């Protein structure tokens, strides 16, 4: 069974946060991000939460479910 991923993207300078939910293939889209450093957090039921600190974003990025690879069990 494929699951959706909850994604939170936080701008490091302003702490402004945006959220998105992936489709069942793990793709998501967040529009209107300004250039800067972002922390990207991902969460899916049954897996350990993952965060990627200070990722440089100049445009929309796409991540797949493999971003969450460690089981919480």
PDB file of N, CA and C in Angstrom:
ATOM      1  N   UNK A   1       0.846  -1.185   0.000  1.00  0.00           N
ATOM      2  CA  UNK A   1       0.000   0.000   0.000  1.00  0.00           C
ATOM      3  C   UNK A   1       0.890   1.247   0.000  1.00  0.00           C
ATOM      4  N   UNK A   2       0.633   2.142  -0.910  1.00  0.00           N
ATOM      5  CA  UNK A   2       1.364   3.410  -0.952  1.00  0.00           C
ATOM      6  C   UNK A   2       0.684   4.407  -0.044  1.00  0.00           C
ATOM      7  N   UNK A   3       1.492   5.260   0.555  1.00  0.00           N
ATOM      8  CA  UNK A   3       0.976   6.267   1.478  1.00  0.00           C
ATOM      9  C   UNK A   3       1.348   7.647   0.986  1.00  0.00           C
ATOM     10  N   UNK A   4       0.607   8.628   1.460  1.00  0.00           N
ATOM     11  CA  UNK A   4       0.965  10.009   1.169  1.00  0.00           C
ATOM     12  C   UNK A   4       1.935  10.502   2.234  1.00  0.00           C
ATOM     13  N   UNK A   5       2.708  11.514   1.892  1.00  0.00           N
ATOM     14  CA  UNK A   5       3.702  12.093   2.789  1.00  0.00           C
ATOM     15  C   UNK A   5       3.293  13.521   3.111  1.00  0.00           C
ATOM     16  N   UNK A   6       3.336  13.882   4.402  1.00  0.00           N
ATOM     17  CA  UNK A   6       3.113  15.269   4.821  1.00  0.00           C
ATOM     18  C   UNK A   6       4.463  15.971   4.801  1.00  0.00           C
ATOM     19  N   UNK A   7       4.533  17.099   4.112  1.00  0.00           N
ATOM     20  CA  UNK A   7       5.786  17.835   3.954  1.00  0.00           C
ATOM     21  C   UNK A   7       5.619  19.235   4.524  1.00  0.00           C
ATOM     22  N   UNK A   8       6.616  19.672   5.287  1.00  0.00           N
ATOM     23  CA  UNK A   8       6.628  21.039   5.825  1.00  0.00           C
ATOM     24  C   UNK A   8       7.955  21.673   5.407  1.00  0.00           C
ATOM     25  N   UNK A   9       7.874  22.845   4.789  1.00  0.00           N
ATOM     26  CA  UNK A   9       9.052  23.558   4.311  1.00  0.00           C
ATOM     27  C   UNK A   9       9.116  24.897   5.050  1.00  0.00           C
ATOM     28  N   UNK A  10      10.212  25.119   5.795  1.00  0.00           N
ATOM     29  CA  UNK A  10      10.344  26.320   6.611  1.00  0.00           C
ATOM     30  C   UNK A  10      11.537  27.146   6.153  1.00  0.00           C
ATOM     31  N   UNK A  11      11.304  28.418   5.835  1.00  0.00           N
ATOM     32  CA  UNK A  11      12.372  29.343   5.434  1.00  0.00           C
ATOM     33  C   UNK A  11      13.216  29.643   6.667  1.00  0.00           C
ATOM     34  N   UNK A  12      14.522  29.444   6.570  1.00  0.00           N
ATOM     35  CA  UNK A  12      15.417  29.621   7.720  1.00  0.00           C
ATOM     36  C   UNK A  12      15.489  31.065   8.212  1.00  0.00           C
ATOM     37  N   UNK A  13      15.393  32.020   7.304  1.00  0.00           N
ATOM     38  CA  UNK A  13      15.524  33.419   7.691  1.00  0.00           C
ATOM     39  C   UNK A  13      14.273  33.999   8.321  1.00  0.00           C
ATOM     40  N   UNK A  14      13.112  33.671   7.761  1.00  0.00           N
ATOM     41  CA  UNK A  14      11.860  34.273   8.224  1.00  0.00           C
ATOM     42  C   UNK A  14      11.024  33.330   9.088  1.00  0.00           C
ATOM     43  N   UNK A  15      11.360  32.043   9.072  1.00  0.00           N
ATOM     44  CA  UNK A  15      10.599  30.984   9.754  1.00  0.00           C
ATOM     45  C   UNK A  15       9.189  30.813   9.188  1.00  0.00           C
ATOM     46  N   UNK A  16       8.937  31.410   8.026  1.00  0.00           N
ATOM     47  CA  UNK A  16       7.651  31.190   7.354  1.00  0.00           C
ATOM     48  C   UNK A  16       7.601  29.741   6.884  1.00  0.00           C
ATOM     49  N   UNK A  17       6.489  29.068   7.160  1.00  0.00           N
ATOM     50  CA  UNK A  17       6.356  27.652   6.819  1.00  0.00           C
ATOM     51  C   UNK A  17       5.221  27.426   5.835  1.00  0.00           C
ATOM     52  N   UNK A  18       5.426  26.474   4.930  1.00  0.00           N
ATOM     53  CA  UNK A  18       4.405  26.037   3.984  1.00  0.00           C
ATOM     54  C   UNK A  18       4.266  24.538   4.142  1.00  0.00           C
ATOM     55  N   UNK A  19       3.088  24.015   3.912  1.00  0.00           N
ATOM     56  CA  UNK A  19       2.875  22.575   3.998  1.00  0.00           C
ATOM     57  C   UNK A  19       2.282  22.056   2.690  1.00  0.00           C
ATOM     58  N   UNK A  20       2.500  20.776   2.473  1.00  0.00           N
ATOM     59  CA  UNK A  20       1.956  20.108   1.293  1.00  0.00           C
ATOM     60  C   UNK A  20       1.776  18.637   1.627  1.00  0.00           C
ATOM     61  N   UNK A  21       0.968  17.973   0.850  1.00  0.00           N
ATOM     62  CA  UNK A  21       0.785  16.529   0.964  1.00  0.00           C
ATOM     63  C   UNK A  21       1.094  15.920  -0.388  1.00  0.00           C
ATOM     64  N   UNK A  22       1.909  14.865  -0.374  1.00  0.00           N
ATOM     65  CA  UNK A  22       2.272  14.216  -1.631  1.00  0.00           C
ATOM     66  C   UNK A  22       1.116  13.395  -2.169  1.00  0.00           C
ATOM     67  N   UNK A  23       1.248  13.022  -3.430  1.00  0.00           N
ATOM     68  CA  UNK A  23       0.320  12.035  -3.967  1.00  0.00           C
ATOM     69  C   UNK A  23       0.848  10.656  -3.556  1.00  0.00           C
ATOM     70  N   UNK A  24       0.202   9.593  -3.984  1.00  0.00           N
ATOM     71  CA  UNK A  24       0.600   8.253  -3.568  1.00  0.00           C
ATOM     72  C   UNK A  24       1.940   7.813  -4.168  1.00  0.00           C
ATOM     73  N   UNK A  25       2.436   8.562  -5.147  1.00  0.00           N
ATOM     74  CA  UNK A  25       3.745   8.266  -5.723  1.00  0.00           C
ATOM     75  C   UNK A  25       4.849   9.067  -5.028  1.00  0.00           C
ATOM     76  N   UNK A  26       4.483   9.931  -4.087  1.00  0.00           N
ATOM     77  CA  UNK A  26       5.461  10.705  -3.327  1.00  0.00           C
ATOM     78  C   UNK A  26       5.769  12.071  -3.877  1.00  0.00           C
ATOM     79  N   UNK A  27       5.092  12.488  -4.923  1.00  0.00           N
ATOM     80  CA  UNK A  27       5.359  13.800  -5.505  1.00  0.00           C
ATOM     81  C   UNK A  27       4.471  14.866  -4.880  1.00  0.00           C
ATOM     82  N   UNK A  28       5.050  16.041  -4.678  1.00  0.00           N
ATOM     83  CA  UNK A  28       4.302  17.168  -4.133  1.00  0.00           C
ATOM     84  C   UNK A  28       4.812  18.443  -4.788  1.00  0.00           C
ATOM     85  N   UNK A  29       4.053  19.510  -4.609  1.00  0.00           N
ATOM     86  CA  UNK A  29       4.435  20.783  -5.197  1.00  0.00           C
ATOM     87  C   UNK A  29       4.129  21.888  -4.210  1.00  0.00           C
ATOM     88  N   UNK A  30       5.083  22.798  -4.047  1.00  0.00           N
ATOM     89  CA  UNK A  30       4.894  23.993  -3.227  1.00  0.00           C
ATOM     90  C   UNK A  30       5.261  25.180  -4.115  1.00  0.00           C
ATOM     91  N   UNK A  31       4.295  26.036  -4.368  1.00  0.00           N
ATOM     92  CA  UNK A  31       4.514  27.180  -5.242  1.00  0.00           C
ATOM     93  C   UNK A  31       4.788  28.441  -4.430  1.00  0.00           C
ATOM     94  N   UNK A  32       5.443  29.398  -5.039  1.00  0.00           N
ATOM     95  CA  UNK A  32       5.619  30.709  -4.438  1.00  0.00           C
ATOM     96  C   UNK A  32       6.712  30.789  -3.391  1.00  0.00           C
ATOM     97  N   UNK A  33       7.659  29.856  -3.397  1.00  0.00           N
ATOM     98  CA  UNK A  33       8.765  29.948  -2.444  1.00  0.00           C
ATOM     99  C   UNK A  33       9.742  31.019  -2.917  1.00  0.00           C
ATOM    100  N   UNK A  34      10.204  31.836  -1.981  1.00  0.00           N
ATOM    101  CA  UNK A  34      11.248  32.807  -2.308  1.00  0.00           C
ATOM    102  C   UNK A  34      12.589  32.102  -2.170  1.00  0.00           C
ATOM    103  N   UNK A  35      13.597  32.577  -2.880  1.00  0.00           N
ATOM    104  CA  UNK A  35      14.928  31.982  -2.780  1.00  0.00           C
ATOM    105  C   UNK A  35      15.426  32.088  -1.352  1.00  0.00           C
ATOM    106  N   UNK A  36      16.144  31.079  -0.905  1.00  0.00           N
ATOM    107  CA  UNK A  36      16.703  31.097   0.436  1.00  0.00           C
ATOM    108  C   UNK A  36      16.973  29.693   0.936  1.00  0.00           C
ATOM    109  N   UNK A  37      17.368  29.606   2.191  1.00  0.00           N
ATOM    110  CA  UNK A  37      17.633  28.325   2.830  1.00  0.00           C
ATOM    111  C   UNK A  37      16.375  27.836   3.531  1.00  0.00           C
ATOM    112  N   UNK A  38      16.063  26.556   3.366  1.00  0.00           N
ATOM    113  CA  UNK A  38      14.850  25.963   3.923  1.00  0.00           C
ATOM    114  C   UNK A  38      15.166  24.670   4.653  1.00  0.00           C
ATOM    115  N   UNK A  39      14.445  24.418   5.718  1.00  0.00           N
ATOM    116  CA  UNK A  39      14.421  23.099   6.339  1.00  0.00           C
ATOM    117  C   UNK A  39      13.208  22.386   5.777  1.00  0.00           C
ATOM    118  N   UNK A  40      13.426  21.169   5.293  1.00  0.00           N
ATOM    119  CA  UNK A  40      12.346  20.384   4.715  1.00  0.00           C
ATOM    120  C   UNK A  40      12.105  19.178   5.599  1.00  0.00           C
ATOM    121  N   UNK A  41      10.892  19.069   6.147  1.00  0.00           N
ATOM    122  CA  UNK A  41      10.533  17.956   7.021  1.00  0.00           C
ATOM    123  C   UNK A  41       9.491  17.091   6.330  1.00  0.00           C
ATOM    124  N   UNK A  42       9.608  15.783   6.527  1.00  0.00           N
ATOM    125  CA  UNK A  42       8.654  14.848   5.932  1.00  0.00           C
ATOM    126  C   UNK A  42       8.174  13.871   6.993  1.00  0.00           C
ATOM    127  N   UNK A  43       6.905  13.520   6.913  1.00  0.00           N
ATOM    128  CA  UNK A  43       6.300  12.626   7.890  1.00  0.00           C
ATOM    129  C   UNK A  43       5.296  11.714   7.187  1.00  0.00           C
ATOM    130  N   UNK A  44       5.371  10.431   7.513  1.00  0.00           N
ATOM    131  CA  UNK A  44       4.399   9.466   7.014  1.00  0.00           C
ATOM    132  C   UNK A  44       4.177   8.436   8.120  1.00  0.00           C
ATOM    133  N   UNK A  45       2.956   8.037   8.294  1.00  0.00           N
ATOM    134  CA  UNK A  45       2.613   7.108   9.354  1.00  0.00           C
ATOM    135  C   UNK A  45       3.409   5.807   9.209  1.00  0.00           C
ATOM    136  N   UNK A  46       3.993   5.350  10.326  1.00  0.00           N
ATOM    137  CA  UNK A  46       4.747   4.109  10.337  1.00  0.00           C
ATOM    138  C   UNK A  46       6.231   4.280  10.080  1.00  0.00           C
ATOM    139  N   UNK A  47       6.677   5.515   9.803  1.00  0.00           N
ATOM    140  CA  UNK A  47       8.077   5.779   9.551  1.00  0.00           C
ATOM    141  C   UNK A  47       8.578   6.881  10.466  1.00  0.00           C
ATOM    142  N   UNK A  48       9.877   6.872  10.716  1.00  0.00           N
ATOM    143  CA  UNK A  48      10.519   7.914  11.502  1.00  0.00           C
ATOM    144  C   UNK A  48      10.486   9.224  10.717  1.00  0.00           C
ATOM    145  N   UNK A  49      10.180  10.326  11.394  1.00  0.00           N
ATOM    146  CA  UNK A  49      10.180  11.637  10.733  1.00  0.00           C
ATOM    147  C   UNK A  49      11.588  11.972  10.265  1.00  0.00           C
ATOM    148  N   UNK A  50      11.678  12.693   9.171  1.00  0.00           N
ATOM    149  CA  UNK A  50      12.966  13.062   8.593  1.00  0.00           C
ATOM    150  C   UNK A  50      12.977  14.555   8.324  1.00  0.00           C
ATOM    151  N   UNK A  51      14.116  15.193   8.591  1.00  0.00           N
ATOM    152  CA  UNK A  51      14.282  16.613   8.283  1.00  0.00           C
ATOM    153  C   UNK A  51      15.601  16.801   7.548  1.00  0.00           C
ATOM    154  N   UNK A  52      15.579  17.647   6.536  1.00  0.00           N
ATOM    155  CA  UNK A  52      16.782  18.030   5.800  1.00  0.00           C
ATOM    156  C   UNK A  52      16.991  19.509   6.085  1.00  0.00           C
ATOM    157  N   UNK A  53      17.985  19.847   6.932  1.00  0.00           N
ATOM    158  CA  UNK A  53      18.170  21.248   7.292  1.00  0.00           C
ATOM    159  C   UNK A  53      18.875  22.056   6.205  1.00  0.00           C
ATOM    160  N   UNK A  54      18.517  23.314   6.140  1.00  0.00           N
ATOM    161  CA  UNK A  54      19.183  24.319   5.313  1.00  0.00           C
ATOM    162  C   UNK A  54      19.425  23.875   3.882  1.00  0.00           C
ATOM    163  N   UNK A  55      18.377  23.457   3.195  1.00  0.00           N
ATOM    164  CA  UNK A  55      18.473  23.146   1.775  1.00  0.00           C
ATOM    165  C   UNK A  55      18.253  24.436   0.985  1.00  0.00           C
ATOM    166  N   UNK A  56      19.095  24.671   0.007  1.00  0.00           N
ATOM    167  CA  UNK A  56      18.979  25.876  -0.814  1.00  0.00           C
ATOM    168  C   UNK A  56      17.892  25.653  -1.854  1.00  0.00           C
ATOM    169  N   UNK A  57      16.882  26.517  -1.863  1.00  0.00           N
ATOM    170  CA  UNK A  57      15.792  26.400  -2.833  1.00  0.00           C
ATOM    171  C   UNK A  57      15.716  27.669  -3.659  1.00  0.00           C
ATOM    172  N   UNK A  58      15.811  27.501  -4.944  1.00  0.00           N
ATOM    173  CA  UNK A  58      15.628  28.624  -5.851  1.00  0.00           C
ATOM    174  C   UNK A  58      14.368  28.432  -6.686  1.00  0.00           C
ATOM    175  N   UNK A  59      13.777  27.237  -6.643  1.00  0.00           N
ATOM    176  CA  UNK A  59      12.542  26.907  -7.338  1.00  0.00           C
ATOM    177  C   UNK A  59      11.950  25.689  -6.660  1.00  0.00           C
ATOM    178  N   UNK A  60      10.806  25.246  -7.106  1.00  0.00           N
ATOM    179  CA  UNK A  60      10.129  24.105  -6.497  1.00  0.00           C
ATOM    180  C   UNK A  60      10.945  22.836  -6.687  1.00  0.00           C
ATOM    181  N   UNK A  61      11.062  22.042  -5.625  1.00  0.00           N
ATOM    182  CA  UNK A  61      11.761  20.753  -5.679  1.00  0.00           C
ATOM    183  C   UNK A  61      10.753  19.635  -5.493  1.00  0.00           C
ATOM    184  N   UNK A  62      11.097  18.446  -5.941  1.00  0.00           N
ATOM    185  CA  UNK A  62      10.245  17.274  -5.796  1.00  0.00           C
ATOM    186  C   UNK A  62      11.031  16.180  -5.094  1.00  0.00           C
ATOM    187  N   UNK A  63      10.425  15.559  -4.101  1.00  0.00           N
ATOM    188  CA  UNK A  63      11.041  14.453  -3.388  1.00  0.00           C
ATOM    189  C   UNK A  63      10.133  13.239  -3.460  1.00  0.00           C
ATOM    190  N   UNK A  64      10.697  12.065  -3.468  1.00  0.00           N
ATOM    191  CA  UNK A  64       9.937  10.816  -3.502  1.00  0.00           C
ATOM    192  C   UNK A  64       9.893  10.210  -2.102  1.00  0.00           C
ATOM    193  N   UNK A  65       9.031   9.210  -1.868  1.00  0.00           N
ATOM    194  CA  UNK A  65       8.902   8.606  -0.546  1.00  0.00           C
ATOM    195  C   UNK A  65      10.187   8.008   0.007  1.00  0.00           C
ATOM    196  N   UNK A  66      11.193   7.755  -0.829  1.00  0.00           N
ATOM    197  CA  UNK A  66      12.449   7.217  -0.324  1.00  0.00           C
ATOM    198  C   UNK A  66      13.128   8.202   0.621  1.00  0.00           C
ATOM    199  N   UNK A  67      12.671   9.439   0.624  1.00  0.00           N
ATOM    200  CA  UNK A  67      13.119  10.451   1.580  1.00  0.00           C
ATOM    201  C   UNK A  67      12.905   9.948   3.002  1.00  0.00           C
ATOM    202  N   UNK A  68      11.884   9.117   3.212  1.00  0.00           N
ATOM    203  CA  UNK A  68      11.578   8.520   4.514  1.00  0.00           C
ATOM    204  C   UNK A  68      11.888   7.031   4.425  1.00  0.00           C
ATOM    205  N   UNK A  69      13.092   6.670   4.807  1.00  0.00           N
ATOM    206  CA  UNK A  69      13.496   5.292   4.576  1.00  0.00           C
ATOM    207  C   UNK A  69      13.658   4.468   5.853  1.00  0.00           C
ATOM    208  N   UNK A  70      13.579   5.081   7.007  1.00  0.00           N
ATOM    209  CA  UNK A  70      13.783   4.332   8.233  1.00  0.00           C
ATOM    210  C   UNK A  70      12.460   4.087   8.943  1.00  0.00           C
ATOM    211  N   UNK A  71      12.182   2.851   9.209  1.00  0.00           N
ATOM    212  CA  UNK A  71      10.940   2.497   9.897  1.00  0.00           C
ATOM    213  C   UNK A  71      11.004   2.917  11.353  1.00  0.00           C
ATOM    214  N   UNK A  72       9.889   3.400  11.883  1.00  0.00           N
ATOM    215  CA  UNK A  72       9.828   3.813  13.291  1.00  0.00           C
ATOM    216  C   UNK A  72       9.703   2.598  14.201  1.00  0.00           C
ATOM    217  N   UNK A  73       9.415   1.458  13.636  1.00  0.00           N
ATOM    218  CA  UNK A  73       9.215   0.252  14.442  1.00  0.00           C
ATOM    219  C   UNK A  73      10.501  -0.407  14.822  1.00  0.00           C
TER     220      UNK A  73
END
